[in-house]
Amino acid sequence: MALPEIAEARKLSDNEISEQINGTRRELFDLRFQQATSRLENPHRFRHARVKLAQLLTVQQERQRSTTTL
């Protein structure tokens, strides 16, 4: 499974980005819960989820900065 591309995140609308951020945070919570209960099957999903969350937050910040400077 390849890492998510930031270009895909830039194609999303503001609402979609917010939904994706919430979903990714929930996924990370679930992964931590699975790890704590020793049911985690794919530990690489942590890295993918963290990268995806960072990219989404970056795009969101870029958009917020561009609207405040105009």
Protein backbone atom coordinates (compact mmCIF):
# COMPACT_ATOMS: atom_id res chain seq x y z
CA MET A 1 0.00 0.00 0.00
CA ALA A 2 1.52 3.29 -1.12
CA LEU A 3 1.58 6.39 0.99
CA PRO A 4 -1.16 8.92 0.25
CA GLU A 5 -0.33 11.72 -2.18
CA ILE A 6 -0.80 15.34 -1.12
CA ALA A 7 -2.10 16.15 -4.61
CA GLU A 8 -5.16 14.04 -3.82
CA ALA A 9 -5.78 16.06 -0.67
CA ARG A 10 -5.52 19.33 -2.59
CA LYS A 11 -8.33 18.22 -4.92
CA LEU A 12 -10.80 17.94 -2.03
CA SER A 13 -13.20 20.69 -0.96
CA ASP A 14 -12.93 22.31 2.47
CA ASN A 15 -15.82 20.22 3.83
CA GLU A 16 -14.32 17.01 2.48
CA ILE A 17 -10.98 17.85 4.09
CA SER A 18 -12.66 18.40 7.46
CA GLU A 19 -14.50 15.08 7.15
CA GLN A 20 -11.28 13.29 6.15
CA ILE A 21 -9.43 14.82 9.12
CA ASN A 22 -12.12 13.63 11.54
CA GLY A 23 -12.17 10.19 9.94
CA THR A 24 -8.40 9.85 10.06
CA ARG A 25 -8.28 10.91 13.71
CA ARG A 26 -10.93 8.30 14.47
CA GLU A 27 -8.92 5.70 12.56
CA LEU A 28 -5.81 6.52 14.61
CA PHE A 29 -7.85 6.20 17.81
CA ASP A 30 -9.14 2.80 16.69
CA LEU A 31 -5.63 1.66 15.75
CA ARG A 32 -4.30 2.66 19.17
CA PHE A 33 -7.18 0.79 20.79
CA GLN A 34 -6.45 -2.32 18.71
CA GLN A 35 -2.78 -2.11 19.61
CA ALA A 36 -3.58 -1.86 23.31
CA THR A 37 -5.78 -4.95 23.11
CA SER A 38 -3.24 -6.85 20.98
CA ARG A 39 -5.58 -7.13 17.99
CA LEU A 40 -3.61 -4.95 15.58
CA GLU A 41 -2.90 -6.89 12.39
CA ASN A 42 -1.34 -4.21 10.18
CA PRO A 43 0.97 -1.91 12.18
CA HIS A 44 1.99 -0.07 8.99
CA ARG A 45 -1.47 1.53 8.96
CA PHE A 46 -0.27 3.84 11.78
CA ARG A 47 2.29 5.46 9.50
CA HIS A 48 -0.14 5.78 6.60
CA ALA A 49 -2.80 7.35 8.81
CA ARG A 50 -0.33 9.80 10.38
CA VAL A 51 1.00 10.85 6.96
CA LYS A 52 -2.53 11.28 5.62
CA LEU A 53 -3.53 13.37 8.65
CA ALA A 54 -0.45 15.57 8.32
CA GLN A 55 -1.13 16.16 4.63
CA LEU A 56 -4.77 17.04 5.26
CA LEU A 57 -3.88 19.43 8.06
CA THR A 58 -1.22 21.04 5.85
CA VAL A 59 -3.68 21.63 3.03
CA GLN A 60 -6.23 23.00 5.48
CA GLN A 61 -3.67 25.43 6.91
CA GLU A 62 -2.56 26.52 3.44
CA ARG A 63 -6.13 27.35 2.54
CA GLN A 64 -6.75 29.23 5.78
CA ARG A 65 -3.61 31.31 5.29
CA SER A 66 -4.46 32.11 1.70
CA THR A 67 -7.93 33.37 2.64
CA THR A 68 -6.69 35.49 5.54
CA THR A 69 -4.01 37.24 3.47
CA LEU A 70 -6.42 38.28 0.74
